[in-house]
């Protein structure tokens, strides 16, 4: 049994909040470089070069890569042999609060009824899962709502089948147009229940950009979706080209015989994600 103090969680989350806003991970930077190198539109190629320059300036100058520093979704995988000192939820929220204050990050969270800003960018949305072991893994995903707002979920009938699911996914991305700031990463959840599909779609964004599903049949769906989306030609920032999306990540879960939930969570080109293991 290992003991994990609240202060360690607070400090870890604080650092994740600050670094996620400033430093894009190698997977998204590599994906943007690859997109630039295969781009067929000179305008889109130029924009991709500017996006890479923007990311470089953000990291060197220690300023946010995007002015929308997002609402935070945090996935915690907690080992069953970890003993917590204090309240895990409170520690996470305090870490977000400190990170957004000390990192001079825009605070965007407000009450849904009054629209009054909380002034702290909390509460973050937190999901906790248990697993064997003595570690605590915290995955931090701050998400701007230009992309989040264009996401969707539909409860299809089983008769729609996978063809119907693919049609809905492509339609959702294409209808989003330039609003989510393409090139995009598309997270998809198929199956489970209403909320399970949405969580799978969001969590799939934590997979390294372009890393295929472990299931061969699902990885083929990912390839088909990416090709169909990019054939539409919406392109970088909606200005044309062959890079509307950088990757499609599909997660699945068994579902009820009378149901086929499909969730699409769209992520922008400023794909901020960080992880720490305590």
C-alpha atoms as a PDB file:
ATOM      1  CA  UNK A   1       0.000   0.000   0.000  1.00  0.00           C
ATOM      2  CA  UNK A   2       1.328   3.427  -0.989  1.00  0.00           C
ATOM      3  CA  UNK A   3       0.166   6.752   0.415  1.00  0.00           C
ATOM      4  CA  UNK A   4      -0.484   9.702  -1.888  1.00  0.00           C
ATOM      5  CA  UNK A   5      -0.699  13.119  -0.255  1.00  0.00           C
ATOM      6  CA  UNK A   6      -3.146  15.757  -1.424  1.00  0.00           C
ATOM      7  CA  UNK A   7      -0.336  18.235  -1.978  1.00  0.00           C
ATOM      8  CA  UNK A   8       1.230  15.911  -4.573  1.00  0.00           C
ATOM      9  CA  UNK A   9      -2.041  15.766  -6.515  1.00  0.00           C
ATOM     10  CA  UNK A  10      -2.549  19.531  -6.302  1.00  0.00           C
ATOM     11  CA  UNK A  11       0.970  20.227  -7.536  1.00  0.00           C
ATOM     12  CA  UNK A  12       0.715  17.685 -10.363  1.00  0.00           C
ATOM     13  CA  UNK A  13      -2.587  19.068 -11.640  1.00  0.00           C
ATOM     14  CA  UNK A  14      -1.342  22.647 -11.329  1.00  0.00           C
ATOM     15  CA  UNK A  15       1.671  21.827 -13.517  1.00  0.00           C
ATOM     16  CA  UNK A  16      -0.478  19.934 -16.018  1.00  0.00           C
ATOM     17  CA  UNK A  17      -2.808  22.912 -16.397  1.00  0.00           C
ATOM     18  CA  UNK A  18       0.033  25.336 -17.098  1.00  0.00           C
ATOM     19  CA  UNK A  19       2.102  23.088 -19.375  1.00  0.00           C
ATOM     20  CA  UNK A  20      -0.884  21.822 -21.384  1.00  0.00           C
ATOM     21  CA  UNK A  21      -1.786  25.365 -22.393  1.00  0.00           C
ATOM     22  CA  UNK A  22       1.755  26.194 -23.542  1.00  0.00           C
ATOM     23  CA  UNK A  23       3.416  23.033 -24.826  1.00  0.00           C
ATOM     24  CA  UNK A  24       1.778  20.822 -27.439  1.00  0.00           C
ATOM     25  CA  UNK A  25       2.797  17.182 -27.234  1.00  0.00           C
ATOM     26  CA  UNK A  26       5.021  15.574 -29.911  1.00  0.00           C
ATOM     27  CA  UNK A  27       2.150  13.475 -31.304  1.00  0.00           C
ATOM     28  CA  UNK A  28       0.118  16.492 -32.438  1.00  0.00           C
ATOM     29  CA  UNK A  29       3.198  18.399 -33.628  1.00  0.00           C
ATOM     30  CA  UNK A  30       4.316  15.398 -35.712  1.00  0.00           C
ATOM     31  CA  UNK A  31       0.800  15.049 -37.136  1.00  0.00           C
ATOM     32  CA  UNK A  32       0.749  18.724 -38.158  1.00  0.00           C
ATOM     33  CA  UNK A  33       4.167  18.388 -39.826  1.00  0.00           C
ATOM     34  CA  UNK A  34       2.988  15.313 -41.740  1.00  0.00           C
ATOM     35  CA  UNK A  35      -0.173  17.161 -42.791  1.00  0.00           C
ATOM     36  CA  UNK A  36       1.882  20.105 -44.047  1.00  0.00           C
ATOM     37  CA  UNK A  37       4.161  17.816 -46.039  1.00  0.00           C
ATOM     38  CA  UNK A  38       1.271  16.028 -47.826  1.00  0.00           C
ATOM     39  CA  UNK A  39      -0.972  19.069 -48.275  1.00  0.00           C
ATOM     40  CA  UNK A  40      -2.110  19.727 -51.852  1.00  0.00           C
ATOM     41  CA  UNK A  41      -3.345  23.284 -51.341  1.00  0.00           C
ATOM     42  CA  UNK A  42      -0.664  26.017 -51.155  1.00  0.00           C
ATOM     43  CA  UNK A  43      -2.937  28.126 -48.925  1.00  0.00           C
ATOM     44  CA  UNK A  44      -3.546  25.245 -46.502  1.00  0.00           C
ATOM     45  CA  UNK A  45       0.163  24.390 -46.482  1.00  0.00           C
ATOM     46  CA  UNK A  46       0.954  27.982 -45.538  1.00  0.00           C
ATOM     47  CA  UNK A  47      -1.610  27.944 -42.728  1.00  0.00           C
ATOM     48  CA  UNK A  48      -0.238  24.677 -41.354  1.00  0.00           C
ATOM     49  CA  UNK A  49       3.226  26.252 -41.303  1.00  0.00           C
ATOM     50  CA  UNK A  50       1.772  29.157 -39.305  1.00  0.00           C
ATOM     51  CA  UNK A  51       0.119  26.765 -36.852  1.00  0.00           C
ATOM     52  CA  UNK A  52       3.474  25.083 -36.256  1.00  0.00           C
ATOM     53  CA  UNK A  53       5.123  28.481 -35.793  1.00  0.00           C
ATOM     54  CA  UNK A  54       2.387  29.453 -33.339  1.00  0.00           C
ATOM     55  CA  UNK A  55       3.031  26.304 -31.297  1.00  0.00           C
ATOM     56  CA  UNK A  56       6.764  27.024 -31.266  1.00  0.00           C
ATOM     57  CA  UNK A  57       6.255  30.624 -30.101  1.00  0.00           C
ATOM     58  CA  UNK A  58       3.834  29.494 -27.368  1.00  0.00           C
ATOM     59  CA  UNK A  59       6.359  27.035 -25.985  1.00  0.00           C
ATOM     60  CA  UNK A  60       9.359  29.400 -26.171  1.00  0.00           C
ATOM     61  CA  UNK A  61       7.542  32.454 -24.812  1.00  0.00           C
ATOM     62  CA  UNK A  62       5.563  30.408 -22.247  1.00  0.00           C
ATOM     63  CA  UNK A  63       2.181  31.718 -23.369  1.00  0.00           C
ATOM     64  CA  UNK A  64      -0.981  29.776 -24.289  1.00  0.00           C
ATOM     65  CA  UNK A  65      -1.064  28.213 -27.758  1.00  0.00           C
ATOM     66  CA  UNK A  66      -4.730  29.263 -28.002  1.00  0.00           C
ATOM     67  CA  UNK A  67      -6.618  32.063 -26.253  1.00  0.00           C
ATOM     68  CA  UNK A  68      -9.403  29.611 -25.368  1.00  0.00           C
ATOM     69  CA  UNK A  69      -7.660  27.705 -22.595  1.00  0.00           C
ATOM     70  CA  UNK A  70     -10.672  25.484 -22.244  1.00  0.00           C
ATOM     71  CA  UNK A  71     -12.790  23.659 -19.743  1.00  0.00           C
ATOM     72  CA  UNK A  72     -10.841  20.816 -18.166  1.00  0.00           C
ATOM     73  CA  UNK A  73     -11.708  17.144 -18.416  1.00  0.00           C
ATOM     74  CA  UNK A  74      -9.547  14.966 -16.192  1.00  0.00           C
ATOM     75  CA  UNK A  75      -9.327  11.188 -16.308  1.00  0.00           C
ATOM     76  CA  UNK A  76      -7.874   9.578 -13.180  1.00  0.00           C
ATOM     77  CA  UNK A  77      -6.873   5.922 -13.092  1.00  0.00           C
ATOM     78  CA  UNK A  78      -6.330   5.027  -9.453  1.00  0.00           C
ATOM     79  CA  UNK A  79      -4.471   1.920  -8.348  1.00  0.00           C
ATOM     80  CA  UNK A  80      -6.328  -0.115  -5.737  1.00  0.00           C
ATOM     81  CA  UNK A  81      -3.195  -0.219  -3.582  1.00  0.00           C
ATOM     82  CA  UNK A  82      -3.025   3.577  -3.314  1.00  0.00           C
ATOM     83  CA  UNK A  83      -4.138   5.178  -0.062  1.00  0.00           C
ATOM     84  CA  UNK A  84      -5.205   8.791  -0.439  1.00  0.00           C
ATOM     85  CA  UNK A  85      -4.558  11.411   2.216  1.00  0.00           C
ATOM     86  CA  UNK A  86      -7.475  13.798   1.912  1.00  0.00           C
ATOM     87  CA  UNK A  87     -10.135  14.300  -0.756  1.00  0.00           C
ATOM     88  CA  UNK A  88      -9.103  13.419  -4.326  1.00  0.00           C
ATOM     89  CA  UNK A  89     -11.790  15.575  -5.919  1.00  0.00           C
ATOM     90  CA  UNK A  90     -10.940  18.643  -3.867  1.00  0.00           C
ATOM     91  CA  UNK A  91      -7.233  18.230  -4.633  1.00  0.00           C
ATOM     92  CA  UNK A  92      -7.885  18.080  -8.377  1.00  0.00           C
ATOM     93  CA  UNK A  93     -10.097  21.162  -8.357  1.00  0.00           C
ATOM     94  CA  UNK A  94      -7.536  23.077  -6.281  1.00  0.00           C
ATOM     95  CA  UNK A  95      -4.804  22.109  -8.743  1.00  0.00           C
ATOM     96  CA  UNK A  96      -6.871  23.441 -11.650  1.00  0.00           C
ATOM     97  CA  UNK A  97      -7.656  26.613  -9.713  1.00  0.00           C
ATOM     98  CA  UNK A  98      -3.983  27.266  -8.946  1.00  0.00           C
ATOM     99  CA  UNK A  99      -2.825  26.409 -12.456  1.00  0.00           C
ATOM    100  CA  UNK A 100      -5.203  28.784 -14.166  1.00  0.00           C
ATOM    101  CA  UNK A 101      -4.387  31.577 -11.732  1.00  0.00           C
ATOM    102  CA  UNK A 102      -0.605  31.173 -11.696  1.00  0.00           C
ATOM    103  CA  UNK A 103      -0.382  30.444 -15.422  1.00  0.00           C
ATOM    104  CA  UNK A 104      -2.417  33.546 -16.321  1.00  0.00           C
ATOM    105  CA  UNK A 105      -4.825  31.351 -18.274  1.00  0.00           C
ATOM    106  CA  UNK A 106      -8.239  32.553 -19.373  1.00  0.00           C
ATOM    107  CA  UNK A 107     -10.984  31.463 -16.995  1.00  0.00           C
ATOM    108  CA  UNK A 108     -13.922  30.359 -19.124  1.00  0.00           C
ATOM    109  CA  UNK A 109     -16.189  28.344 -16.809  1.00  0.00           C
ATOM    110  CA  UNK A 110     -19.567  29.818 -15.884  1.00  0.00           C
ATOM    111  CA  UNK A 111     -22.907  28.864 -14.363  1.00  0.00           C
ATOM    112  CA  UNK A 112     -25.155  27.446 -17.113  1.00  0.00           C
ATOM    113  CA  UNK A 113     -28.247  29.349 -15.900  1.00  0.00           C
ATOM    114  CA  UNK A 114     -26.939  32.752 -14.796  1.00  0.00           C
ATOM    115  CA  UNK A 115     -23.836  32.665 -17.095  1.00  0.00           C
ATOM    116  CA  UNK A 116     -21.864  34.129 -14.202  1.00  0.00           C
ATOM    117  CA  UNK A 117     -18.183  33.216 -14.456  1.00  0.00           C
ATOM    118  CA  UNK A 118     -16.867  31.127 -11.545  1.00  0.00           C
ATOM    119  CA  UNK A 119     -13.637  33.125 -11.775  1.00  0.00           C
ATOM    120  CA  UNK A 120     -11.458  30.060 -11.227  1.00  0.00           C
ATOM    121  CA  UNK A 121     -12.069  27.794 -14.266  1.00  0.00           C
ATOM    122  CA  UNK A 122     -13.449  25.184 -11.898  1.00  0.00           C
ATOM    123  CA  UNK A 123     -15.185  22.878 -11.595  1.00  0.00           C
ATOM    124  CA  UNK A 124     -13.278  20.597 -13.910  1.00  0.00           C
ATOM    125  CA  UNK A 125     -15.067  17.459 -15.110  1.00  0.00           C
ATOM    126  CA  UNK A 126     -13.430  14.454 -13.437  1.00  0.00           C
ATOM    127  CA  UNK A 127     -13.723  10.745 -14.261  1.00  0.00           C
ATOM    128  CA  UNK A 128     -12.170   8.182 -11.900  1.00  0.00           C
ATOM    129  CA  UNK A 129     -11.496   4.523 -12.688  1.00  0.00           C
ATOM    130  CA  UNK A 130      -9.925   1.862 -10.485  1.00  0.00           C
ATOM    131  CA  UNK A 131      -7.275  -0.633 -11.584  1.00  0.00           C
ATOM    132  CA  UNK A 132      -4.833  -3.012  -9.894  1.00  0.00           C
ATOM    133  CA  UNK A 133      -1.523  -1.529  -8.759  1.00  0.00           C
ATOM    134  CA  UNK A 134      -0.029   1.241  -6.672  1.00  0.00           C
ATOM    135  CA  UNK A 135       0.018   4.167  -9.108  1.00  0.00           C
ATOM    136  CA  UNK A 136      -2.251   7.097  -9.846  1.00  0.00           C
ATOM    137  CA  UNK A 137      -2.372   8.231 -13.496  1.00  0.00           C
ATOM    138  CA  UNK A 138      -3.856  11.668 -14.209  1.00  0.00           C
ATOM    139  CA  UNK A 139      -4.695  12.567 -17.815  1.00  0.00           C
ATOM    140  CA  UNK A 140      -5.466  16.243 -18.390  1.00  0.00           C
ATOM    141  CA  UNK A 141      -7.523  17.409 -21.382  1.00  0.00           C
ATOM    142  CA  UNK A 142      -8.422  21.116 -21.491  1.00  0.00           C
ATOM    143  CA  UNK A 143     -10.829  21.633 -24.366  1.00  0.00           C
ATOM    144  CA  UNK A 144     -11.852  24.819 -26.102  1.00  0.00           C
ATOM    145  CA  UNK A 145     -15.510  24.995 -26.983  1.00  0.00           C
ATOM    146  CA  UNK A 146     -15.164  25.982 -30.607  1.00  0.00           C
ATOM    147  CA  UNK A 147     -14.590  22.277 -31.131  1.00  0.00           C
ATOM    148  CA  UNK A 148     -16.570  20.923 -28.178  1.00  0.00           C
ATOM    149  CA  UNK A 149     -19.711  22.744 -29.330  1.00  0.00           C
ATOM    150  CA  UNK A 150     -19.626  20.984 -32.690  1.00  0.00           C
ATOM    151  CA  UNK A 151     -19.635  17.504 -31.128  1.00  0.00           C
ATOM    152  CA  UNK A 152     -22.730  15.322 -31.112  1.00  0.00           C
ATOM    153  CA  UNK A 153     -24.411  12.149 -29.941  1.00  0.00           C
ATOM    154  CA  UNK A 154     -27.177  10.145 -31.559  1.00  0.00           C
ATOM    155  CA  UNK A 155     -29.092   7.100 -30.408  1.00  0.00           C
ATOM    156  CA  UNK A 156     -29.376   5.101 -33.624  1.00  0.00           C
ATOM    157  CA  UNK A 157     -31.531   2.045 -34.061  1.00  0.00           C
ATOM    158  CA  UNK A 158     -29.632  -1.209 -34.588  1.00  0.00           C
ATOM    159  CA  UNK A 159     -31.082  -1.364 -38.111  1.00  0.00           C
ATOM    160  CA  UNK A 160     -28.920   1.647 -39.037  1.00  0.00           C
ATOM    161  CA  UNK A 161     -25.894  -0.553 -38.442  1.00  0.00           C
ATOM    162  CA  UNK A 162     -22.311   0.512 -38.949  1.00  0.00           C
ATOM    163  CA  UNK A 163     -23.134   2.201 -42.300  1.00  0.00           C
ATOM    164  CA  UNK A 164     -25.575   4.464 -40.468  1.00  0.00           C
ATOM    165  CA  UNK A 165     -23.043   5.152 -37.724  1.00  0.00           C
ATOM    166  CA  UNK A 166     -20.361   6.111 -40.259  1.00  0.00           C
ATOM    167  CA  UNK A 167     -22.790   8.370 -42.107  1.00  0.00           C
ATOM    168  CA  UNK A 168     -23.669  10.178 -38.867  1.00  0.00           C
ATOM    169  CA  UNK A 169     -19.999  10.625 -37.899  1.00  0.00           C
ATOM    170  CA  UNK A 170     -19.002  12.076 -41.292  1.00  0.00           C
ATOM    171  CA  UNK A 171     -22.115  14.282 -41.385  1.00  0.00           C
ATOM    172  CA  UNK A 172     -21.324  15.685 -37.927  1.00  0.00           C
ATOM    173  CA  UNK A 173     -17.766  16.590 -38.906  1.00  0.00           C
ATOM    174  CA  UNK A 174     -18.699  18.110 -42.260  1.00  0.00           C
ATOM    175  CA  UNK A 175     -21.585  20.124 -40.799  1.00  0.00           C
ATOM    176  CA  UNK A 176     -19.151  21.573 -38.248  1.00  0.00           C
ATOM    177  CA  UNK A 177     -17.416  23.430 -41.079  1.00  0.00           C
ATOM    178  CA  UNK A 178     -14.626  25.724 -39.942  1.00  0.00           C
ATOM    179  CA  UNK A 179     -16.034  26.264 -36.433  1.00  0.00           C
ATOM    180  CA  UNK A 180     -13.823  23.661 -34.671  1.00  0.00           C
ATOM    181  CA  UNK A 181     -10.605  24.990 -36.299  1.00  0.00           C
ATOM    182  CA  UNK A 182      -9.506  22.099 -38.514  1.00  0.00           C
ATOM    183  CA  UNK A 183      -7.393  20.061 -39.021  1.00  0.00           C
ATOM    184  CA  UNK A 184      -9.189  17.975 -36.428  1.00  0.00           C
ATOM    185  CA  UNK A 185      -8.841  14.871 -34.325  1.00  0.00           C
ATOM    186  CA  UNK A 186     -12.162  13.041 -34.238  1.00  0.00           C
ATOM    187  CA  UNK A 187     -13.006  11.004 -31.139  1.00  0.00           C
ATOM    188  CA  UNK A 188     -15.780   8.441 -31.599  1.00  0.00           C
ATOM    189  CA  UNK A 189     -17.611   6.228 -29.140  1.00  0.00           C
ATOM    190  CA  UNK A 190     -19.841   3.450 -30.484  1.00  0.00           C
ATOM    191  CA  UNK A 191     -21.979   1.339 -28.166  1.00  0.00           C
ATOM    192  CA  UNK A 192     -22.502   1.226 -24.439  1.00  0.00           C
ATOM    193  CA  UNK A 193     -25.162   3.665 -23.274  1.00  0.00           C
ATOM    194  CA  UNK A 194     -25.889   7.365 -23.806  1.00  0.00           C
ATOM    195  CA  UNK A 195     -23.222   8.537 -21.369  1.00  0.00           C
ATOM    196  CA  UNK A 196     -20.747   5.711 -22.030  1.00  0.00           C
ATOM    197  CA  UNK A 197     -20.529   6.556 -25.738  1.00  0.00           C
ATOM    198  CA  UNK A 198     -19.795  10.208 -24.940  1.00  0.00           C
ATOM    199  CA  UNK A 199     -17.085   9.353 -22.410  1.00  0.00           C
ATOM    200  CA  UNK A 200     -15.452   6.900 -24.828  1.00  0.00           C
ATOM    201  CA  UNK A 201     -15.406   9.547 -27.558  1.00  0.00           C
ATOM    202  CA  UNK A 202     -13.772  12.094 -25.236  1.00  0.00           C
ATOM    203  CA  UNK A 203     -11.285   9.636 -23.766  1.00  0.00           C
ATOM    204  CA  UNK A 204     -10.223   8.408 -27.204  1.00  0.00           C
ATOM    205  CA  UNK A 205      -8.655  11.835 -27.791  1.00  0.00           C
ATOM    206  CA  UNK A 206      -5.969  10.876 -25.253  1.00  0.00           C
ATOM    207  CA  UNK A 207      -4.689   8.168 -27.591  1.00  0.00           C
ATOM    208  CA  UNK A 208      -1.540   9.256 -29.504  1.00  0.00           C
ATOM    209  CA  UNK A 209      -2.713  11.019 -32.650  1.00  0.00           C
ATOM    210  CA  UNK A 210      -3.272   8.440 -35.378  1.00  0.00           C
ATOM    211  CA  UNK A 211      -2.546   5.403 -33.181  1.00  0.00           C
ATOM    212  CA  UNK A 212      -4.929   2.720 -34.508  1.00  0.00           C
ATOM    213  CA  UNK A 213      -7.419   0.706 -32.507  1.00  0.00           C
ATOM    214  CA  UNK A 214      -6.154  -2.631 -31.234  1.00  0.00           C
ATOM    215  CA  UNK A 215      -9.103  -4.241 -33.056  1.00  0.00           C
ATOM    216  CA  UNK A 216      -8.438  -4.749 -36.753  1.00  0.00           C
ATOM    217  CA  UNK A 217     -12.076  -4.265 -37.742  1.00  0.00           C
ATOM    218  CA  UNK A 218     -12.284  -1.017 -35.763  1.00  0.00           C
ATOM    219  CA  UNK A 219      -8.967   0.286 -37.146  1.00  0.00           C
ATOM    220  CA  UNK A 220     -10.378  -0.268 -40.644  1.00  0.00           C
ATOM    221  CA  UNK A 221     -13.380   1.868 -39.683  1.00  0.00           C
ATOM    222  CA  UNK A 222     -10.975   4.583 -38.518  1.00  0.00           C
ATOM    223  CA  UNK A 223      -9.174   4.516 -41.847  1.00  0.00           C
ATOM    224  CA  UNK A 224     -12.436   4.636 -43.785  1.00  0.00           C
ATOM    225  CA  UNK A 225     -13.779   7.536 -41.746  1.00  0.00           C
ATOM    226  CA  UNK A 226     -10.575   9.547 -42.118  1.00  0.00           C
ATOM    227  CA  UNK A 227     -10.564   9.021 -45.885  1.00  0.00           C
ATOM    228  CA  UNK A 228     -14.253   9.932 -46.244  1.00  0.00           C
ATOM    229  CA  UNK A 229     -13.898  13.070 -44.133  1.00  0.00           C
ATOM    230  CA  UNK A 230     -10.809  14.291 -45.989  1.00  0.00           C
ATOM    231  CA  UNK A 231     -12.355  13.582 -49.410  1.00  0.00           C
ATOM    232  CA  UNK A 232     -14.964  16.239 -48.650  1.00  0.00           C
ATOM    233  CA  UNK A 233     -12.266  18.885 -49.118  1.00  0.00           C
ATOM    234  CA  UNK A 234     -13.243  21.244 -46.286  1.00  0.00           C
ATOM    235  CA  UNK A 235      -9.573  21.412 -45.355  1.00  0.00           C
ATOM    236  CA  UNK A 236      -7.491  23.499 -42.967  1.00  0.00           C
ATOM    237  CA  UNK A 237      -9.634  26.125 -41.206  1.00  0.00           C
ATOM    238  CA  UNK A 238     -12.353  25.343 -43.756  1.00  0.00           C
ATOM    239  CA  UNK A 239     -10.344  26.919 -46.591  1.00  0.00           C
ATOM    240  CA  UNK A 240      -9.850  23.786 -48.659  1.00  0.00           C
ATOM    241  CA  UNK A 241      -7.213  21.110 -49.029  1.00  0.00           C
ATOM    242  CA  UNK A 242      -6.799  17.468 -48.071  1.00  0.00           C
ATOM    243  CA  UNK A 243      -6.412  17.786 -44.283  1.00  0.00           C
ATOM    244  CA  UNK A 244      -9.820  18.329 -42.704  1.00  0.00           C
ATOM    245  CA  UNK A 245      -8.874  15.710 -40.102  1.00  0.00           C
ATOM    246  CA  UNK A 246      -5.558  14.371 -38.874  1.00  0.00           C
ATOM    247  CA  UNK A 247      -6.948  11.213 -37.276  1.00  0.00           C
ATOM    248  CA  UNK A 248     -10.094   9.384 -36.235  1.00  0.00           C
ATOM    249  CA  UNK A 249     -10.026   7.417 -32.979  1.00  0.00           C
ATOM    250  CA  UNK A 250     -12.876   4.946 -32.429  1.00  0.00           C
ATOM    251  CA  UNK A 251     -13.643   3.203 -29.137  1.00  0.00           C
ATOM    252  CA  UNK A 252     -16.390   0.602 -28.759  1.00  0.00           C
ATOM    253  CA  UNK A 253     -18.358  -1.086 -25.985  1.00  0.00           C
ATOM    254  CA  UNK A 254     -21.053  -3.783 -26.055  1.00  0.00           C
ATOM    255  CA  UNK A 255     -24.535  -2.280 -26.081  1.00  0.00           C
ATOM    256  CA  UNK A 256     -28.190  -3.266 -25.688  1.00  0.00           C
ATOM    257  CA  UNK A 257     -29.733  -5.342 -28.511  1.00  0.00           C
ATOM    258  CA  UNK A 258     -32.219  -2.521 -29.158  1.00  0.00           C
ATOM    259  CA  UNK A 259     -29.697   0.331 -29.205  1.00  0.00           C
ATOM    260  CA  UNK A 260     -26.744   1.779 -31.122  1.00  0.00           C
ATOM    261  CA  UNK A 261     -25.367   4.917 -29.413  1.00  0.00           C
ATOM    262  CA  UNK A 262     -22.831   6.906 -31.459  1.00  0.00           C
ATOM    263  CA  UNK A 263     -20.924   9.887 -30.013  1.00  0.00           C
ATOM    264  CA  UNK A 264     -18.589  12.214 -31.884  1.00  0.00           C
ATOM    265  CA  UNK A 265     -16.215  14.445 -29.920  1.00  0.00           C
ATOM    266  CA  UNK A 266     -14.352  16.888 -32.148  1.00  0.00           C
ATOM    267  CA  UNK A 267     -10.944  18.255 -31.189  1.00  0.00           C
ATOM    268  CA  UNK A 268      -9.233  21.252 -32.794  1.00  0.00           C
ATOM    269  CA  UNK A 269      -5.696  21.481 -34.190  1.00  0.00           C
ATOM    270  CA  UNK A 270      -4.500  22.921 -30.851  1.00  0.00           C
ATOM    271  CA  UNK A 271      -4.804  19.493 -29.253  1.00  0.00           C
ATOM    272  CA  UNK A 272      -3.709  20.026 -25.664  1.00  0.00           C
ATOM    273  CA  UNK A 273      -3.278  16.945 -23.505  1.00  0.00           C
ATOM    274  CA  UNK A 274      -0.882  15.964 -20.742  1.00  0.00           C
ATOM    275  CA  UNK A 275      -0.427  13.012 -18.414  1.00  0.00           C
ATOM    276  CA  UNK A 276       1.426  12.295 -15.210  1.00  0.00           C
ATOM    277  CA  UNK A 277       1.882   9.116 -13.178  1.00  0.00           C
ATOM    278  CA  UNK A 278       2.240   9.493  -9.408  1.00  0.00           C
END
